[in-house]
């Protein structure tokens, strides 16, 4: 038989018998409740504890929990094994009010149990969704627009990485809002997810990943973790296609364990050569499509799903119904060309998730290059991701550049250039202007049409312009000019108020005599400071 343990948020009540109760330390009040009532858009879980070890830990038919929401809709979730006796089922608390749950276990019907809990209002942002008013943007379940500023933190979840906490703490300080992270312990393989003979999970490894995801949620609920369960393991992916039960269990267990977390999304694999022609590190598109369909069919909380493939190969799954995000790997996309291309092919958010890195394929002037990349991507109607240290390699010591290190510490100690130095000012721009990019469309034709020099986006009432002001035509080698940027602008008819914003300092500047712009005619405007510049024009009638 089983006993039942309920975890409300991260507050645990363990019923070993009717009279024996053990209580754990409550989680941070800012993220999850510390009592019997979980937070809206938080996580609640129930445990079913077996008297004997589970005979088949990779069973394709685990016990399930059926959750009934306050509106009487039901969600059925698979349980996952936390250890060889403990089944766990989790709920993403997406409605306030009274919930009920009941367990089903065909293998051992006698363990079935049921209960209730009450979800309380909270300020948690919740899961990320495609924005209902703009298919190329994101928003949280709580409503706010999501400003995507990605980072590459592949080994954040890896148990051999000692500085994982330093990494995520400093990533939040820098202004990153999404972290790409995989399940690999080795360079790109996911063999650590299973024991040596592939007959069961490595519980310690999975539980450590769980602990780190929970830490990120508790401290930084606005940061999305893009989980990559198959890493760069083409062999494991191909075994999935061959029907290998352990390979297929990985995705099933990952979803049962992590999908209820509001701060995660899925990327099936990383940097794969997607081709129907067999070869080294090649995965057929049919296999990725099969995994994607399987994950979508199981996904209880509508968590976003995508896949990542090798540089310059585009995205093979634009038409796949399971795919929620167009994920790209390219190079020197400081004009946003690949984002603009895929906006025409898809009605989902488009992200250039790998470009240059701070060490690998580093540009000559990191701070300028990545500032330019981020602004250009946003005004192309897409999104971009930075990469600093060599997070795809195992940790090489506290003074190294491989594995997980804090960005700020690495820059301070001279191990990494300051490529992400100005990302915080992007937040400042949108906060101060009270704008989002919902409804904005790329509009480079308003600023001359040379996207390497000027990027623009407009929603009909407002225009945002980024002037890159490069000193050469090479994205890799160019630095920003030390002279003010000059803008050739032809706005639509109407009157506009203009303000300048310095993307290197976060300071706003008055436009002086050029503060009022008459649309329908050409204007030549000069920024009131040297370097690259952002101009905001707002309709005044």
Protein backbone atom coordinates (compact mmCIF):
# COMPACT_ATOMS: atom_id res chain seq x y z
CA UNK A 1 0.00 0.00 0.00
CA UNK A 2 0.94 3.69 -0.16
CA UNK A 3 0.89 6.54 2.27
CA UNK A 4 0.30 10.09 1.04
CA UNK A 5 2.54 13.12 1.27
CA UNK A 6 1.27 16.51 0.12
CA UNK A 7 3.52 19.38 -0.78
CA UNK A 8 1.65 22.67 -0.94
CA UNK A 9 3.92 25.04 -2.86
CA UNK A 10 7.13 23.93 -1.27
CA UNK A 11 5.63 23.41 2.20
CA UNK A 12 5.61 19.69 2.95
CA UNK A 13 3.28 17.73 5.20
CA UNK A 14 4.17 14.06 5.46
CA UNK A 15 1.49 11.66 6.65
CA UNK A 16 3.29 8.51 7.78
CA UNK A 17 0.31 7.58 9.92
CA UNK A 18 -2.78 9.28 11.26
CA UNK A 19 -0.86 10.65 14.23
CA UNK A 20 2.65 11.31 12.89
CA UNK A 21 3.36 14.53 10.95
CA UNK A 22 6.71 15.91 9.74
CA UNK A 23 6.96 19.50 8.49
CA UNK A 24 9.76 20.93 6.33
CA UNK A 25 11.03 24.49 6.15
CA UNK A 26 8.74 26.68 4.07
CA UNK A 27 9.84 28.27 0.83
CA UNK A 28 10.30 31.96 0.14
CA UNK A 29 7.00 33.81 0.64
CA UNK A 30 7.58 35.79 -2.54
CA UNK A 31 7.18 32.75 -4.74
CA UNK A 32 5.19 29.98 -3.05
CA UNK A 33 2.92 29.72 -0.02
CA UNK A 34 4.24 28.47 3.27
CA UNK A 35 0.98 26.90 4.46
CA UNK A 36 -1.65 24.47 3.36
CA UNK A 37 -2.82 26.73 0.51
CA UNK A 38 -0.67 27.00 -2.64
CA UNK A 39 -0.17 30.19 -4.61
CA UNK A 40 -1.96 31.01 -7.83
CA UNK A 41 0.44 30.18 -10.68
CA UNK A 42 2.61 28.19 -8.28
CA UNK A 43 3.12 24.45 -7.87
CA UNK A 44 1.33 21.91 -5.67
CA UNK A 45 2.28 18.27 -5.43
CA UNK A 46 1.12 15.04 -3.85
CA UNK A 47 3.23 11.99 -3.01
CA UNK A 48 2.19 8.33 -2.96
CA UNK A 49 4.73 6.27 -1.05
CA UNK A 50 5.02 2.55 -1.69
CA UNK A 51 5.89 0.07 1.04
CA UNK A 52 8.11 -1.88 -1.38
CA UNK A 53 10.49 -0.57 -4.07
CA UNK A 54 8.85 -0.09 -7.46
CA UNK A 55 9.63 -3.12 -9.64
CA UNK A 56 9.76 -1.27 -12.98
CA UNK A 57 10.88 2.35 -12.52
CA UNK A 58 10.70 2.96 -16.28
CA UNK A 59 7.11 1.79 -16.57
CA UNK A 60 5.19 3.40 -19.44
CA UNK A 61 2.05 3.32 -17.25
CA UNK A 62 2.83 5.15 -14.00
CA UNK A 63 0.14 6.10 -11.48
CA UNK A 64 -1.75 9.24 -12.42
CA UNK A 65 -3.34 12.13 -10.57
CA UNK A 66 -6.55 13.71 -11.84
CA UNK A 67 -6.85 17.33 -10.75
CA UNK A 68 -10.22 19.09 -10.86
CA UNK A 69 -10.00 22.86 -11.09
CA UNK A 70 -12.53 25.29 -9.57
CA UNK A 71 -14.22 25.63 -12.98
CA UNK A 72 -14.71 21.82 -12.95
CA UNK A 73 -12.29 21.17 -15.81
CA UNK A 74 -9.92 18.26 -15.19
CA UNK A 75 -6.23 17.67 -15.89
CA UNK A 76 -4.71 14.19 -15.79
CA UNK A 77 -0.97 14.03 -15.02
CA UNK A 78 1.52 11.19 -14.85
CA UNK A 79 3.33 10.67 -11.58
CA UNK A 80 7.13 10.44 -11.53
CA UNK A 81 9.43 8.56 -9.20
CA UNK A 82 11.46 10.70 -6.80
CA UNK A 83 13.16 7.61 -5.38
CA UNK A 84 12.50 3.89 -5.69
CA UNK A 85 9.34 4.09 -3.54
CA UNK A 86 7.91 7.59 -3.94
CA UNK A 87 5.53 8.55 -6.75
CA UNK A 88 4.87 12.29 -7.15
CA UNK A 89 2.14 14.12 -9.07
CA UNK A 90 2.25 17.88 -9.62
CA UNK A 91 -0.24 20.60 -10.48
CA UNK A 92 0.37 24.02 -11.98
CA UNK A 93 -2.12 26.12 -10.03
CA UNK A 94 -3.59 28.12 -12.89
CA UNK A 95 -6.90 28.96 -11.16
CA UNK A 96 -7.73 30.34 -7.74
CA UNK A 97 -10.23 28.56 -5.54
CA UNK A 98 -10.94 25.02 -4.40
CA UNK A 99 -9.22 22.16 -6.23
CA UNK A 100 -9.69 18.44 -5.72
CA UNK A 101 -7.52 15.52 -6.73
CA UNK A 102 -7.73 11.77 -6.92
CA UNK A 103 -5.10 9.21 -7.79
CA UNK A 104 -5.38 6.27 -10.16
CA UNK A 105 -2.99 3.35 -10.15
CA UNK A 106 -3.92 0.41 -12.33
CA UNK A 107 -0.90 -1.54 -11.11
CA UNK A 108 -1.89 -1.30 -7.44
CA UNK A 109 -5.54 -0.16 -7.19
CA UNK A 110 -5.42 -0.18 -3.39
CA UNK A 111 -3.16 2.89 -3.33
CA UNK A 112 -5.78 5.20 -4.79
CA UNK A 113 -6.42 8.30 -2.70
CA UNK A 114 -8.02 11.74 -2.98
CA UNK A 115 -8.03 15.18 -1.39
CA UNK A 116 -8.55 18.92 -1.80
CA UNK A 117 -6.57 22.15 -1.60
CA UNK A 118 -7.36 25.83 -2.04
CA UNK A 119 -5.33 28.07 -4.36
CA UNK A 120 -4.86 31.62 -3.10
CA UNK A 121 -4.24 34.79 -5.20
CA UNK A 122 -0.60 35.70 -5.75
CA UNK A 123 1.66 37.96 -7.80
CA UNK A 124 3.56 35.09 -9.45
CA UNK A 125 3.87 35.70 -13.22
CA UNK A 126 3.06 32.12 -14.19
CA UNK A 127 3.77 30.22 -17.36
CA UNK A 128 4.87 31.81 -20.61
CA UNK A 129 2.43 31.80 -23.54
CA UNK A 130 2.20 33.06 -27.08
CA UNK A 131 0.69 36.53 -26.81
CA UNK A 132 -3.01 36.51 -27.80
CA UNK A 133 -2.69 39.94 -29.48
CA UNK A 134 0.59 39.32 -31.31
CA UNK A 135 1.70 35.81 -32.38
CA UNK A 136 5.38 36.82 -32.46
CA UNK A 137 5.47 37.98 -28.84
CA UNK A 138 5.15 36.26 -25.45
CA UNK A 139 3.26 37.07 -22.29
CA UNK A 140 2.96 35.57 -18.82
CA UNK A 141 -0.26 33.92 -17.62
CA UNK A 142 -0.63 36.88 -15.25
CA UNK A 143 -0.85 39.22 -18.25
CA UNK A 144 2.43 41.18 -18.62
CA UNK A 145 4.42 41.13 -21.83
CA UNK A 146 7.65 39.11 -21.70
CA UNK A 147 10.84 40.89 -22.78
CA UNK A 148 13.07 38.12 -24.12
CA UNK A 149 16.76 38.58 -23.32
CA UNK A 150 18.26 35.12 -23.52
CA UNK A 151 21.45 33.60 -22.16
CA UNK A 152 23.17 30.27 -22.76
CA UNK A 153 23.64 28.41 -19.49
CA UNK A 154 23.80 24.84 -20.74
CA UNK A 155 25.19 23.24 -17.57
CA UNK A 156 23.16 25.18 -15.02
CA UNK A 157 21.34 21.97 -14.01
CA UNK A 158 24.40 19.68 -14.10
CA UNK A 159 25.22 18.24 -10.68
CA UNK A 160 29.01 18.60 -11.13
CA UNK A 161 28.76 22.38 -11.62
CA UNK A 162 29.53 24.03 -8.25
CA UNK A 163 28.89 27.65 -9.27
CA UNK A 164 25.35 27.18 -10.57
CA UNK A 165 23.89 29.46 -7.92
CA UNK A 166 26.40 32.23 -8.62
CA UNK A 167 25.51 31.89 -12.28
CA UNK A 168 21.74 32.30 -11.93
CA UNK A 169 22.01 35.05 -9.30
CA UNK A 170 24.23 37.13 -11.57
CA UNK A 171 22.18 36.33 -14.67
CA UNK A 172 19.20 37.91 -12.95
CA UNK A 173 21.26 40.98 -12.04
CA UNK A 174 22.45 41.42 -15.63
CA UNK A 175 18.88 41.34 -16.95
CA UNK A 176 18.56 37.93 -18.60
CA UNK A 177 15.01 36.61 -18.77
CA UNK A 178 15.59 33.20 -20.36
CA UNK A 179 18.28 30.58 -19.76
CA UNK A 180 18.92 27.71 -22.19
CA UNK A 181 19.96 24.66 -20.13
CA UNK A 182 20.34 20.98 -20.91
CA UNK A 183 20.28 17.67 -19.01
CA UNK A 184 23.84 16.60 -19.92
CA UNK A 185 26.66 15.80 -17.51
CA UNK A 186 29.14 14.91 -20.26
CA UNK A 187 29.91 17.23 -23.18
CA UNK A 188 26.58 16.62 -24.88
CA UNK A 189 25.23 13.24 -23.84
CA UNK A 190 22.41 12.46 -21.42
CA UNK A 191 23.65 9.10 -20.16
CA UNK A 192 23.65 10.50 -16.59
CA UNK A 193 19.84 10.43 -16.56
CA UNK A 194 19.89 6.63 -16.29
CA UNK A 195 21.83 4.13 -14.21
CA UNK A 196 24.72 2.20 -15.74
CA UNK A 197 22.60 -0.59 -17.27
CA UNK A 198 19.73 1.74 -18.31
CA UNK A 199 17.28 -0.18 -16.14
CA UNK A 200 16.22 2.83 -14.07
CA UNK A 201 16.83 6.53 -13.37
CA UNK A 202 19.70 8.13 -11.53
CA UNK A 203 17.45 9.63 -8.86
CA UNK A 204 20.17 11.83 -7.37
CA UNK A 205 20.82 13.47 -10.73
CA UNK A 206 17.14 14.16 -11.42
CA UNK A 207 16.54 15.41 -7.88
CA UNK A 208 19.44 17.85 -8.12
CA UNK A 209 18.04 19.29 -11.35
CA UNK A 210 14.71 19.61 -9.58
CA UNK A 211 16.32 21.47 -6.69
CA UNK A 212 17.94 24.01 -9.01
CA UNK A 213 14.75 24.65 -10.97
CA UNK A 214 12.92 25.19 -7.68
CA UNK A 215 15.63 27.62 -6.53
CA UNK A 216 15.28 29.63 -9.74
CA UNK A 217 11.50 29.74 -9.35
CA UNK A 218 11.68 30.84 -5.74
CA UNK A 219 14.13 33.68 -6.37
CA UNK A 220 13.51 34.67 -9.99
CA UNK A 221 10.03 33.56 -11.13
CA UNK A 222 10.27 35.89 -14.16
CA UNK A 223 13.26 33.99 -15.62
CA UNK A 224 12.34 31.21 -18.02
CA UNK A 225 14.43 28.04 -18.10
CA UNK A 226 14.39 26.41 -21.51
CA UNK A 227 14.97 22.74 -20.66
CA UNK A 228 16.75 20.60 -23.29
CA UNK A 229 16.13 17.00 -22.17
CA UNK A 230 18.10 15.24 -24.91
CA UNK A 231 20.98 17.73 -25.04
CA UNK A 232 23.15 17.03 -28.08
CA UNK A 233 22.76 13.25 -27.78
CA UNK A 234 21.95 12.12 -31.32
CA UNK A 235 22.33 8.50 -30.25
CA UNK A 236 19.62 8.83 -27.60
CA UNK A 237 17.32 10.59 -30.05
CA UNK A 238 17.80 7.85 -32.63
CA UNK A 239 17.16 5.18 -30.00
CA UNK A 240 13.87 6.94 -29.28
CA UNK A 241 13.01 6.52 -32.93
CA UNK A 242 13.91 2.83 -32.72
CA UNK A 243 11.45 2.35 -29.86
CA UNK A 244 13.96 2.13 -27.00
CA UNK A 245 11.93 2.23 -23.78
CA UNK A 246 14.58 4.05 -21.72
CA UNK A 247 14.99 6.76 -24.36
CA UNK A 248 11.25 7.31 -24.50
CA UNK A 249 11.01 7.32 -20.71
CA UNK A 250 13.34 10.36 -20.52
CA UNK A 251 10.83 12.74 -22.10
CA UNK A 252 7.89 11.18 -20.27
CA UNK A 253 9.60 11.47 -16.87
CA UNK A 254 10.86 15.00 -17.61
CA UNK A 255 7.34 16.19 -18.37
CA UNK A 256 5.81 14.46 -15.35
CA UNK A 257 8.44 16.02 -13.10
CA UNK A 258 8.92 19.51 -14.53
CA UNK A 259 5.92 20.57 -16.66
CA UNK A 260 4.01 21.96 -13.68
CA UNK A 261 6.79 24.46 -13.02
CA UNK A 262 5.70 27.86 -14.37
CA UNK A 263 9.30 28.87 -15.16
CA UNK A 264 10.10 26.17 -17.73
CA UNK A 265 9.64 25.51 -21.42
CA UNK A 266 10.84 22.63 -23.62
CA UNK A 267 13.47 22.38 -26.35
CA UNK A 268 13.72 18.73 -27.41
CA UNK A 269 17.39 18.77 -28.43
CA UNK A 270 20.26 21.10 -29.24
CA UNK A 271 22.42 21.71 -32.32
CA UNK A 272 21.26 18.64 -34.25
CA UNK A 273 21.88 17.90 -37.90
CA UNK A 274 18.30 17.30 -39.01
CA UNK A 275 18.26 15.23 -42.19
CA UNK A 276 16.51 12.13 -43.58
CA UNK A 277 19.93 10.95 -44.85
CA UNK A 278 21.74 8.87 -42.18
CA UNK A 279 25.13 10.07 -40.96
CA UNK A 280 27.23 11.04 -37.95
CA UNK A 281 25.25 13.12 -35.44
CA UNK A 282 22.29 13.08 -37.81
CA UNK A 283 18.70 12.80 -36.62
CA UNK A 284 15.83 12.31 -39.02
CA UNK A 285 13.12 14.99 -38.89
CA UNK A 286 10.55 12.22 -38.41
CA UNK A 287 12.15 11.35 -35.05
CA UNK A 288 11.99 14.93 -33.76
CA UNK A 289 8.43 15.16 -35.03
CA UNK A 290 7.55 11.95 -33.21
CA UNK A 291 9.06 13.20 -29.94
CA UNK A 292 7.31 16.54 -30.39
CA UNK A 293 3.95 14.89 -31.02
CA UNK A 294 4.41 12.58 -28.03
CA UNK A 295 5.31 15.48 -25.76
CA UNK A 296 2.43 17.61 -27.01
CA UNK A 297 -0.05 14.77 -26.47
CA UNK A 298 1.15 14.31 -22.88
CA UNK A 299 1.67 17.95 -21.99
CA UNK A 300 -0.86 18.69 -19.22
CA UNK A 301 -0.18 22.42 -18.71
CA UNK A 302 0.35 23.61 -22.33
CA UNK A 303 4.05 24.25 -21.76
CA UNK A 304 5.80 25.70 -24.82
CA UNK A 305 7.78 23.24 -26.99
CA UNK A 306 10.45 23.77 -29.67
CA UNK A 307 13.62 22.16 -31.07
CA UNK A 308 17.07 23.49 -31.96
CA UNK A 309 19.23 22.51 -34.91
CA UNK A 310 22.67 23.28 -36.25
CA UNK A 311 23.85 26.68 -37.45
CA UNK A 312 22.58 28.00 -40.78
CA UNK A 313 20.09 25.12 -41.21
CA UNK A 314 16.99 27.12 -40.30
CA UNK A 315 14.04 25.47 -38.61
CA UNK A 316 12.61 22.24 -40.00
CA UNK A 317 9.39 22.25 -37.96
CA UNK A 318 7.61 25.44 -38.98
CA UNK A 319 4.55 23.45 -40.06
CA UNK A 320 4.60 20.98 -37.15
CA UNK A 321 1.55 21.33 -34.92
CA UNK A 322 3.51 20.51 -31.76
CA UNK A 323 5.96 23.40 -32.29
CA UNK A 324 5.31 26.69 -30.48
CA UNK A 325 8.55 28.59 -31.21
CA UNK A 326 10.79 28.94 -34.27
CA UNK A 327 14.29 28.38 -32.87
CA UNK A 328 17.31 29.31 -35.00
CA UNK A 329 21.10 29.21 -34.86
CA UNK A 330 22.81 31.67 -37.17
CA UNK A 331 25.65 34.20 -37.25
CA UNK A 332 26.07 37.98 -37.45
CA UNK A 333 22.33 38.64 -37.40
CA UNK A 334 22.75 42.31 -36.49
CA UNK A 335 20.26 43.27 -39.21
CA UNK A 336 17.74 40.60 -38.21
CA UNK A 337 17.48 39.09 -41.70
CA UNK A 338 16.84 35.50 -40.56
CA UNK A 339 14.18 36.68 -38.10
CA UNK A 340 12.40 38.63 -40.81
CA UNK A 341 12.55 35.59 -43.10
CA UNK A 342 10.90 33.27 -40.59
CA UNK A 343 8.27 35.80 -39.56
CA UNK A 344 6.94 35.43 -43.10
CA UNK A 345 6.94 31.63 -42.82
CA UNK A 346 5.45 31.20 -39.35
CA UNK A 347 2.86 32.60 -36.97
CA UNK A 348 4.92 31.85 -33.84
CA UNK A 349 7.68 33.72 -31.99
CA UNK A 350 11.02 33.59 -33.81
CA UNK A 351 14.25 33.41 -31.78
CA UNK A 352 17.88 33.49 -32.86
CA UNK A 353 19.00 31.35 -29.91
CA UNK A 354 22.66 31.10 -30.92
CA UNK A 355 24.81 33.64 -32.73
CA UNK A 356 28.30 34.60 -31.59
CA UNK A 357 29.65 33.96 -28.10
CA UNK A 358 31.86 35.89 -25.74
CA UNK A 359 34.64 33.33 -26.20
CA UNK A 360 33.64 30.96 -29.03
CA UNK A 361 33.48 32.85 -32.35
CA UNK A 362 33.82 36.05 -30.38
CA UNK A 363 33.30 39.41 -32.12
CA UNK A 364 36.07 41.98 -31.94
CA UNK A 365 33.98 44.36 -29.82
CA UNK A 366 31.66 42.28 -27.65
CA UNK A 367 29.77 45.00 -25.83
CA UNK A 368 28.77 46.78 -29.02
CA UNK A 369 28.09 43.61 -31.00
CA UNK A 370 25.68 42.04 -28.51
CA UNK A 371 23.95 45.33 -27.70
CA UNK A 372 23.39 45.79 -31.42
CA UNK A 373 22.25 42.18 -31.86
CA UNK A 374 19.66 42.45 -29.10
CA UNK A 375 18.14 45.76 -30.22
CA UNK A 376 18.12 44.75 -33.89
CA UNK A 377 16.44 41.44 -33.10
CA UNK A 378 13.69 43.04 -31.02
CA UNK A 379 12.93 45.63 -33.70
CA UNK A 380 12.89 42.87 -36.33
CA UNK A 381 9.93 41.44 -34.48
CA UNK A 382 11.98 38.58 -33.06
CA UNK A 383 14.22 37.73 -30.15
CA UNK A 384 17.88 36.85 -29.51
CA UNK A 385 20.08 34.98 -27.05
CA UNK A 386 23.56 35.83 -25.78
CA UNK A 387 26.32 33.37 -25.00
CA UNK A 388 29.31 34.22 -22.82
CA UNK A 389 31.49 31.58 -21.19
CA UNK A 390 31.89 28.07 -22.59
CA UNK A 391 28.94 26.66 -20.67
CA UNK A 392 28.83 23.58 -22.92
CA UNK A 393 32.14 22.31 -21.44
CA UNK A 394 32.56 20.79 -17.94
CA UNK A 395 33.71 23.09 -15.13
CA UNK A 396 37.45 23.83 -15.24
CA UNK A 397 37.92 25.54 -11.89
CA UNK A 398 36.88 28.83 -10.25
CA UNK A 399 39.27 30.85 -12.40
CA UNK A 400 38.34 29.19 -15.68
CA UNK A 401 36.06 29.87 -18.62
CA UNK A 402 34.36 26.48 -18.96
CA UNK A 403 31.21 25.31 -17.23
CA UNK A 404 29.04 27.59 -15.14
CA UNK A 405 30.47 30.86 -13.82
CA UNK A 406 28.81 34.10 -12.81
CA UNK A 407 28.83 36.61 -15.68
CA UNK A 408 29.74 39.60 -13.49
CA UNK A 409 32.54 37.74 -11.71
CA UNK A 410 33.95 36.51 -15.02
CA UNK A 411 33.98 40.03 -16.46
CA UNK A 412 35.46 41.55 -13.30
CA UNK A 413 38.30 39.01 -13.28
CA UNK A 414 39.08 39.52 -16.97
CA UNK A 415 37.98 36.07 -18.11
CA UNK A 416 35.13 37.38 -20.26
CA UNK A 417 34.44 40.56 -22.21
CA UNK A 418 31.43 42.66 -21.22
CA UNK A 419 29.05 41.60 -23.98
CA UNK A 420 25.92 41.74 -21.81
CA UNK A 421 26.80 45.01 -20.08
CA UNK A 422 23.95 47.01 -21.59
CA UNK A 423 21.06 44.55 -21.53
CA UNK A 424 19.70 46.12 -18.35
CA UNK A 425 19.13 49.36 -20.25
CA UNK A 426 16.76 47.57 -22.61
CA UNK A 427 14.58 46.91 -19.58
CA UNK A 428 14.92 50.59 -18.65
CA UNK A 429 13.75 51.73 -22.08
CA UNK A 430 10.54 49.70 -22.03
CA UNK A 431 9.82 50.42 -18.38
CA UNK A 432 10.30 54.17 -18.70
CA UNK A 433 8.38 54.45 -21.97
CA UNK A 434 5.61 52.14 -20.70
CA UNK A 435 5.75 50.35 -24.02
CA UNK A 436 5.74 46.73 -25.10
CA UNK A 437 6.42 45.36 -28.58
CA UNK A 438 2.93 43.86 -28.86
CA UNK A 439 1.47 45.00 -32.17
CA UNK A 440 4.74 46.47 -33.43
CA UNK A 441 5.79 45.49 -36.96
CA UNK A 442 9.25 45.80 -38.55
CA UNK A 443 9.39 49.09 -40.46
CA UNK A 444 12.94 49.55 -41.74
CA UNK A 445 11.54 51.28 -44.82
CA UNK A 446 10.83 54.33 -42.65
CA UNK A 447 14.55 54.75 -41.92
CA UNK A 448 16.15 54.24 -45.32
CA UNK A 449 15.89 50.49 -45.74
CA UNK A 450 19.52 49.65 -44.85
CA UNK A 451 18.97 47.38 -41.87
CA UNK A 452 22.68 47.26 -41.03
CA UNK A 453 22.53 50.98 -40.22
CA UNK A 454 19.03 51.51 -38.85
CA UNK A 455 16.24 49.30 -37.55
CA UNK A 456 12.67 50.45 -36.96
CA UNK A 457 9.39 49.03 -35.70
CA UNK A 458 5.99 50.71 -35.53
CA UNK A 459 2.50 50.00 -34.21
CA UNK A 460 0.93 52.84 -36.20
CA UNK A 461 1.03 55.32 -33.32
CA UNK A 462 4.65 54.97 -32.24
CA UNK A 463 7.96 54.28 -33.93
CA UNK A 464 11.07 52.86 -32.24
CA UNK A 465 14.34 53.30 -34.12
CA UNK A 466 17.76 51.82 -33.36
CA UNK A 467 20.72 53.48 -35.10
CA UNK A 468 23.69 51.11 -34.95
CA UNK A 469 26.21 53.69 -36.23
CA UNK A 470 28.93 51.09 -37.05
CA UNK A 471 32.43 52.06 -38.14
CA UNK A 472 32.66 49.26 -40.74
CA UNK A 473 30.47 46.90 -42.74
CA UNK A 474 31.72 43.78 -40.94
CA UNK A 475 29.42 42.78 -38.05
CA UNK A 476 32.21 40.70 -36.52
CA UNK A 477 34.82 43.47 -36.60
CA UNK A 478 32.91 46.73 -36.40
CA UNK A 479 32.85 49.03 -33.40
CA UNK A 480 30.48 51.90 -32.80
CA UNK A 481 31.52 55.27 -34.19
CA UNK A 482 32.63 57.98 -31.78
CA UNK A 483 30.48 60.54 -33.60
CA UNK A 484 26.70 61.06 -33.25
CA UNK A 485 24.40 58.88 -35.31
CA UNK A 486 22.47 60.51 -38.16
CA UNK A 487 18.99 59.29 -39.02
CA UNK A 488 17.24 59.67 -42.36
CA UNK A 489 13.57 59.39 -41.43
CA UNK A 490 10.31 59.47 -43.38
CA UNK A 491 7.48 58.81 -40.90
CA UNK A 492 3.84 58.36 -41.95
CA UNK A 493 1.63 61.46 -42.03
CA UNK A 494 0.85 62.98 -38.65
CA UNK A 495 2.67 64.77 -35.86
CA UNK A 496 5.16 63.05 -33.57
CA UNK A 497 7.01 63.86 -30.36
CA UNK A 498 10.54 62.52 -30.29
CA UNK A 499 12.91 61.48 -27.50
CA UNK A 500 16.39 60.01 -27.68
CA UNK A 501 17.63 57.14 -25.53
CA UNK A 502 21.27 56.17 -25.03
CA UNK A 503 21.48 52.33 -25.10
CA UNK A 504 24.92 52.43 -23.38
CA UNK A 505 23.88 54.45 -20.34
CA UNK A 506 20.10 54.12 -20.05
CA UNK A 507 19.73 57.90 -20.14
CA UNK A 508 16.99 59.80 -21.97
CA UNK A 509 17.78 62.98 -23.92
CA UNK A 510 15.54 65.77 -25.17
CA UNK A 511 15.42 66.32 -28.90
CA UNK A 512 15.54 70.12 -28.61
CA UNK A 513 14.35 71.84 -31.76
CA UNK A 514 13.62 68.44 -33.31
CA UNK A 515 11.26 67.32 -30.55
CA UNK A 516 8.22 67.82 -32.82
CA UNK A 517 8.33 65.94 -36.13
CA UNK A 518 5.89 66.39 -39.00
CA UNK A 519 5.14 63.08 -40.72
CA UNK A 520 4.72 62.56 -44.43
CA UNK A 521 8.04 64.22 -45.28
CA UNK A 522 11.74 63.45 -45.01
CA UNK A 523 13.79 64.48 -41.96
CA UNK A 524 17.49 64.25 -41.21
CA UNK A 525 17.99 63.92 -37.44
CA UNK A 526 21.23 63.86 -35.44
CA UNK A 527 21.45 62.13 -32.07
CA UNK A 528 22.45 64.46 -29.18
CA UNK A 529 25.26 62.09 -28.11
CA UNK A 530 27.96 59.97 -29.75
CA UNK A 531 27.66 56.27 -30.58
CA UNK A 532 24.62 54.14 -31.33
CA UNK A 533 21.23 55.54 -30.38
CA UNK A 534 17.55 54.77 -29.93
CA UNK A 535 14.83 57.20 -31.00
CA UNK A 536 11.24 57.00 -29.83
CA UNK A 537 8.55 58.83 -31.80
CA UNK A 538 5.01 59.00 -30.41
CA UNK A 539 1.99 60.35 -32.23
CA UNK A 540 0.84 63.74 -30.96
CA UNK A 541 -2.10 64.19 -33.30
